[in-house]
Amino acid sequence: PIRQRLMVTWLVWLAFRLLALPILISVFNPSRPDIIGGIAWQALWLLPALVLTPSILRGRSPYALLIDSMFTLVYLGASGVVLFTRVYGSSWAEIMVYLFDFVLLLTINVWLFVLLKRLPSMNNVVKQPRSR
């Protein structure tokens, strides 16, 4: 179930970030930024995430998921910075769009953490009890 939740959340975030975010920002921002330009910018920004997508959808390799987790933490940090900077000069609707992006990324990071904890150890070390 965790792997399925991660897969669904990941695909929702990719679709939201690539299509919905530029469209919604164009609708809610008074300067009406270009939708096609926004989609192109998001596609460029999402290239690393698109490369990580197969390993996240499989969700079996601890090494790959560890790398995925590091990248998604970077995305989470960037999303948080964008949200923080938009709070001071944007409409509430625009802030909610960025907040939804942040919450999706936070959820992805939580699912990755839970999945990494459930996968077998990466180095297969079996700890022996200490003898006295």
C-alpha atoms as a PDB file:
ATOM      1  CA  PRO A   1       0.000   0.000   0.000  1.00  0.00           C
ATOM      2  CA  ILE A   2       2.823   2.477   0.754  1.00  0.00           C
ATOM      3  CA  ARG A   3       4.336   1.901  -2.675  1.00  0.00           C
ATOM      4  CA  GLN A   4       0.947   2.537  -4.303  1.00  0.00           C
ATOM      5  CA  ARG A   5       0.422   5.690  -2.247  1.00  0.00           C
ATOM      6  CA  LEU A   6       3.862   6.910  -3.239  1.00  0.00           C
ATOM      7  CA  MET A   7       3.207   6.135  -6.905  1.00  0.00           C
ATOM      8  CA  VAL A   8      -0.158   7.929  -6.938  1.00  0.00           C
ATOM      9  CA  THR A   9       1.153  10.947  -5.032  1.00  0.00           C
ATOM     10  CA  TRP A  10       4.209  11.158  -7.296  1.00  0.00           C
ATOM     11  CA  LEU A  11       2.125  11.064 -10.486  1.00  0.00           C
ATOM     12  CA  VAL A  12      -0.341  13.626  -9.086  1.00  0.00           C
ATOM     13  CA  TRP A  13       2.565  15.925  -8.165  1.00  0.00           C
ATOM     14  CA  LEU A  14       4.170  15.584 -11.620  1.00  0.00           C
ATOM     15  CA  ALA A  15       0.884  16.367 -13.394  1.00  0.00           C
ATOM     16  CA  PHE A  16       0.086  19.203 -11.001  1.00  0.00           C
ATOM     17  CA  ARG A  17       3.539  20.738 -11.277  1.00  0.00           C
ATOM     18  CA  LEU A  18       3.759  20.383 -15.057  1.00  0.00           C
ATOM     19  CA  LEU A  19       0.245  21.449 -16.077  1.00  0.00           C
ATOM     20  CA  ALA A  20      -1.975  22.688 -13.261  1.00  0.00           C
ATOM     21  CA  LEU A  21       0.517  25.000 -11.553  1.00  0.00           C
ATOM     22  CA  PRO A  22       1.306  27.129 -14.647  1.00  0.00           C
ATOM     23  CA  ILE A  23      -2.374  27.276 -15.633  1.00  0.00           C
ATOM     24  CA  LEU A  24      -3.575  28.205 -12.139  1.00  0.00           C
ATOM     25  CA  ILE A  25      -0.833  30.793 -11.645  1.00  0.00           C
ATOM     26  CA  SER A  26      -1.741  32.329 -15.001  1.00  0.00           C
ATOM     27  CA  VAL A  27      -5.379  32.515 -13.908  1.00  0.00           C
ATOM     28  CA  PHE A  28      -4.754  33.899 -10.406  1.00  0.00           C
ATOM     29  CA  ASN A  29      -1.764  36.189 -11.050  1.00  0.00           C
ATOM     30  CA  PRO A  30      -2.819  39.698 -12.143  1.00  0.00           C
ATOM     31  CA  SER A  31       0.124  39.973 -14.571  1.00  0.00           C
ATOM     32  CA  ARG A  32      -1.209  36.917 -16.491  1.00  0.00           C
ATOM     33  CA  PRO A  33       2.065  35.038 -17.181  1.00  0.00           C
ATOM     34  CA  ASP A  34       2.215  32.939 -20.343  1.00  0.00           C
ATOM     35  CA  ILE A  35       0.845  29.417 -19.830  1.00  0.00           C
ATOM     36  CA  ILE A  36       2.993  27.767 -22.520  1.00  0.00           C
ATOM     37  CA  GLY A  37       6.115  29.443 -21.146  1.00  0.00           C
ATOM     38  CA  GLY A  38       5.170  28.275 -17.656  1.00  0.00           C
ATOM     39  CA  ILE A  39       4.692  24.700 -18.824  1.00  0.00           C
ATOM     40  CA  ALA A  40       8.030  24.801 -20.670  1.00  0.00           C
ATOM     41  CA  TRP A  41       9.755  26.178 -17.555  1.00  0.00           C
ATOM     42  CA  GLN A  42       8.193  23.508 -15.335  1.00  0.00           C
ATOM     43  CA  ALA A  43       9.168  20.769 -17.800  1.00  0.00           C
ATOM     44  CA  LEU A  44      12.764  21.973 -17.661  1.00  0.00           C
ATOM     45  CA  TRP A  45      12.624  22.215 -13.875  1.00  0.00           C
ATOM     46  CA  LEU A  46      11.155  18.691 -13.656  1.00  0.00           C
ATOM     47  CA  LEU A  47      13.804  16.936 -15.774  1.00  0.00           C
ATOM     48  CA  PRO A  48      15.536  15.369 -12.736  1.00  0.00           C
ATOM     49  CA  ALA A  49      12.154  14.271 -11.360  1.00  0.00           C
ATOM     50  CA  LEU A  50      11.237  12.685 -14.683  1.00  0.00           C
ATOM     51  CA  VAL A  51      14.533  10.762 -14.635  1.00  0.00           C
ATOM     52  CA  LEU A  52      13.714   9.516 -11.110  1.00  0.00           C
ATOM     53  CA  THR A  53      10.166   8.464 -12.012  1.00  0.00           C
ATOM     54  CA  PRO A  54      10.887   4.810 -12.982  1.00  0.00           C
ATOM     55  CA  SER A  55      12.670   4.045  -9.703  1.00  0.00           C
ATOM     56  CA  ILE A  56       9.929   5.734  -7.670  1.00  0.00           C
ATOM     57  CA  LEU A  57       7.191   3.857  -9.531  1.00  0.00           C
ATOM     58  CA  ARG A  58       8.988   0.544  -8.912  1.00  0.00           C
ATOM     59  CA  GLY A  59       9.818   1.428  -5.316  1.00  0.00           C
ATOM     60  CA  ARG A  60      11.997  -1.619  -4.636  1.00  0.00           C
ATOM     61  CA  SER A  61      15.644  -0.554  -4.657  1.00  0.00           C
ATOM     62  CA  PRO A  62      16.824   1.039  -1.406  1.00  0.00           C
ATOM     63  CA  TYR A  63      19.753   2.729  -3.170  1.00  0.00           C
ATOM     64  CA  ALA A  64      17.551   4.299  -5.828  1.00  0.00           C
ATOM     65  CA  LEU A  65      14.956   5.379  -3.271  1.00  0.00           C
ATOM     66  CA  LEU A  66      17.661   6.974  -1.141  1.00  0.00           C
ATOM     67  CA  ILE A  67      18.800   9.037  -4.139  1.00  0.00           C
ATOM     68  CA  ASP A  68      15.155   9.824  -4.951  1.00  0.00           C
ATOM     69  CA  SER A  69      14.635  10.968  -1.379  1.00  0.00           C
ATOM     70  CA  MET A  70      17.588  13.358  -1.605  1.00  0.00           C
ATOM     71  CA  PHE A  71      16.274  14.892  -4.820  1.00  0.00           C
ATOM     72  CA  THR A  72      12.748  15.246  -3.485  1.00  0.00           C
ATOM     73  CA  LEU A  73      14.111  16.948  -0.371  1.00  0.00           C
ATOM     74  CA  VAL A  74      15.739  19.505  -2.674  1.00  0.00           C
ATOM     75  CA  TYR A  75      12.420  19.959  -4.493  1.00  0.00           C
ATOM     76  CA  LEU A  76      10.670  20.311  -1.115  1.00  0.00           C
ATOM     77  CA  GLY A  77      13.141  22.976  -0.016  1.00  0.00           C
ATOM     78  CA  ALA A  78      12.750  24.897  -3.263  1.00  0.00           C
ATOM     79  CA  SER A  79       8.968  24.657  -3.024  1.00  0.00           C
ATOM     80  CA  GLY A  80       9.083  25.939   0.547  1.00  0.00           C
ATOM     81  CA  VAL A  81      11.242  28.902  -0.472  1.00  0.00           C
ATOM     82  CA  VAL A  82       8.857  29.774  -3.318  1.00  0.00           C
ATOM     83  CA  LEU A  83       5.887  29.501  -0.949  1.00  0.00           C
ATOM     84  CA  PHE A  84       7.633  31.688   1.635  1.00  0.00           C
ATOM     85  CA  THR A  85       8.496  34.382  -0.925  1.00  0.00           C
ATOM     86  CA  ARG A  86       4.984  34.390  -2.419  1.00  0.00           C
ATOM     87  CA  VAL A  87       3.299  34.944   0.959  1.00  0.00           C
ATOM     88  CA  TYR A  88       4.293  38.609   0.947  1.00  0.00           C
ATOM     89  CA  GLY A  89       3.062  39.695  -2.446  1.00  0.00           C
ATOM     90  CA  SER A  90       0.559  37.277  -3.912  1.00  0.00           C
ATOM     91  CA  SER A  91      -3.148  36.605  -3.712  1.00  0.00           C
ATOM     92  CA  TRP A  92      -4.538  33.943  -1.405  1.00  0.00           C
ATOM     93  CA  ALA A  93      -5.445  31.742  -4.360  1.00  0.00           C
ATOM     94  CA  GLU A  94      -1.871  31.848  -5.646  1.00  0.00           C
ATOM     95  CA  ILE A  95      -0.537  31.045  -2.176  1.00  0.00           C
ATOM     96  CA  MET A  96      -2.894  28.045  -1.977  1.00  0.00           C
ATOM     97  CA  VAL A  97      -1.532  26.720  -5.295  1.00  0.00           C
ATOM     98  CA  TYR A  98       2.022  26.848  -3.951  1.00  0.00           C
ATOM     99  CA  LEU A  99       0.906  25.425  -0.595  1.00  0.00           C
ATOM    100  CA  PHE A 100      -0.684  22.444  -2.369  1.00  0.00           C
ATOM    101  CA  ASP A 101       2.588  21.850  -4.238  1.00  0.00           C
ATOM    102  CA  PHE A 102       4.483  21.971  -0.928  1.00  0.00           C
ATOM    103  CA  VAL A 103       2.061  19.556   0.766  1.00  0.00           C
ATOM    104  CA  LEU A 104       2.314  17.082  -2.127  1.00  0.00           C
ATOM    105  CA  LEU A 105       6.112  17.127  -1.905  1.00  0.00           C
ATOM    106  CA  LEU A 106       6.009  16.752   1.865  1.00  0.00           C
ATOM    107  CA  THR A 107       3.711  13.742   1.458  1.00  0.00           C
ATOM    108  CA  ILE A 108       6.055  12.210  -1.130  1.00  0.00           C
ATOM    109  CA  ASN A 109       8.985  12.616   1.248  1.00  0.00           C
ATOM    110  CA  VAL A 110       7.033  10.994   4.091  1.00  0.00           C
ATOM    111  CA  TRP A 111       6.062   8.025   1.878  1.00  0.00           C
ATOM    112  CA  LEU A 112       9.679   7.663   0.732  1.00  0.00           C
ATOM    113  CA  PHE A 113      10.883   7.675   4.332  1.00  0.00           C
ATOM    114  CA  VAL A 114       8.327   5.057   5.389  1.00  0.00           C
ATOM    115  CA  LEU A 115       9.129   2.885   2.373  1.00  0.00           C
ATOM    116  CA  LEU A 116      12.876   3.140   3.013  1.00  0.00           C
ATOM    117  CA  LYS A 117      12.341   2.043   6.617  1.00  0.00           C
ATOM    118  CA  ARG A 118      10.381  -1.015   5.458  1.00  0.00           C
ATOM    119  CA  LEU A 119      12.802  -2.184   2.773  1.00  0.00           C
ATOM    120  CA  PRO A 120      15.547  -4.647   3.685  1.00  0.00           C
ATOM    121  CA  SER A 121      18.914  -3.339   4.811  1.00  0.00           C
ATOM    122  CA  MET A 122      21.179  -2.118   2.014  1.00  0.00           C
ATOM    123  CA  ASN A 123      24.322  -3.824   3.284  1.00  0.00           C
ATOM    124  CA  ASN A 124      22.674  -7.014   4.632  1.00  0.00           C
ATOM    125  CA  VAL A 125      24.593  -6.849   7.891  1.00  0.00           C
ATOM    126  CA  VAL A 126      23.202  -9.078  10.594  1.00  0.00           C
ATOM    127  CA  LYS A 127      24.116  -7.785  14.013  1.00  0.00           C
ATOM    128  CA  GLN A 128      25.395 -10.432  16.390  1.00  0.00           C
ATOM    129  CA  PRO A 129      24.675 -10.020  20.079  1.00  0.00           C
ATOM    130  CA  ARG A 130      27.670  -8.926  22.102  1.00  0.00           C
ATOM    131  CA  SER A 131      29.299 -11.621  24.137  1.00  0.00           C
ATOM    132  CA  ARG A 132      30.519 -10.745  27.620  1.00  0.00           C
END
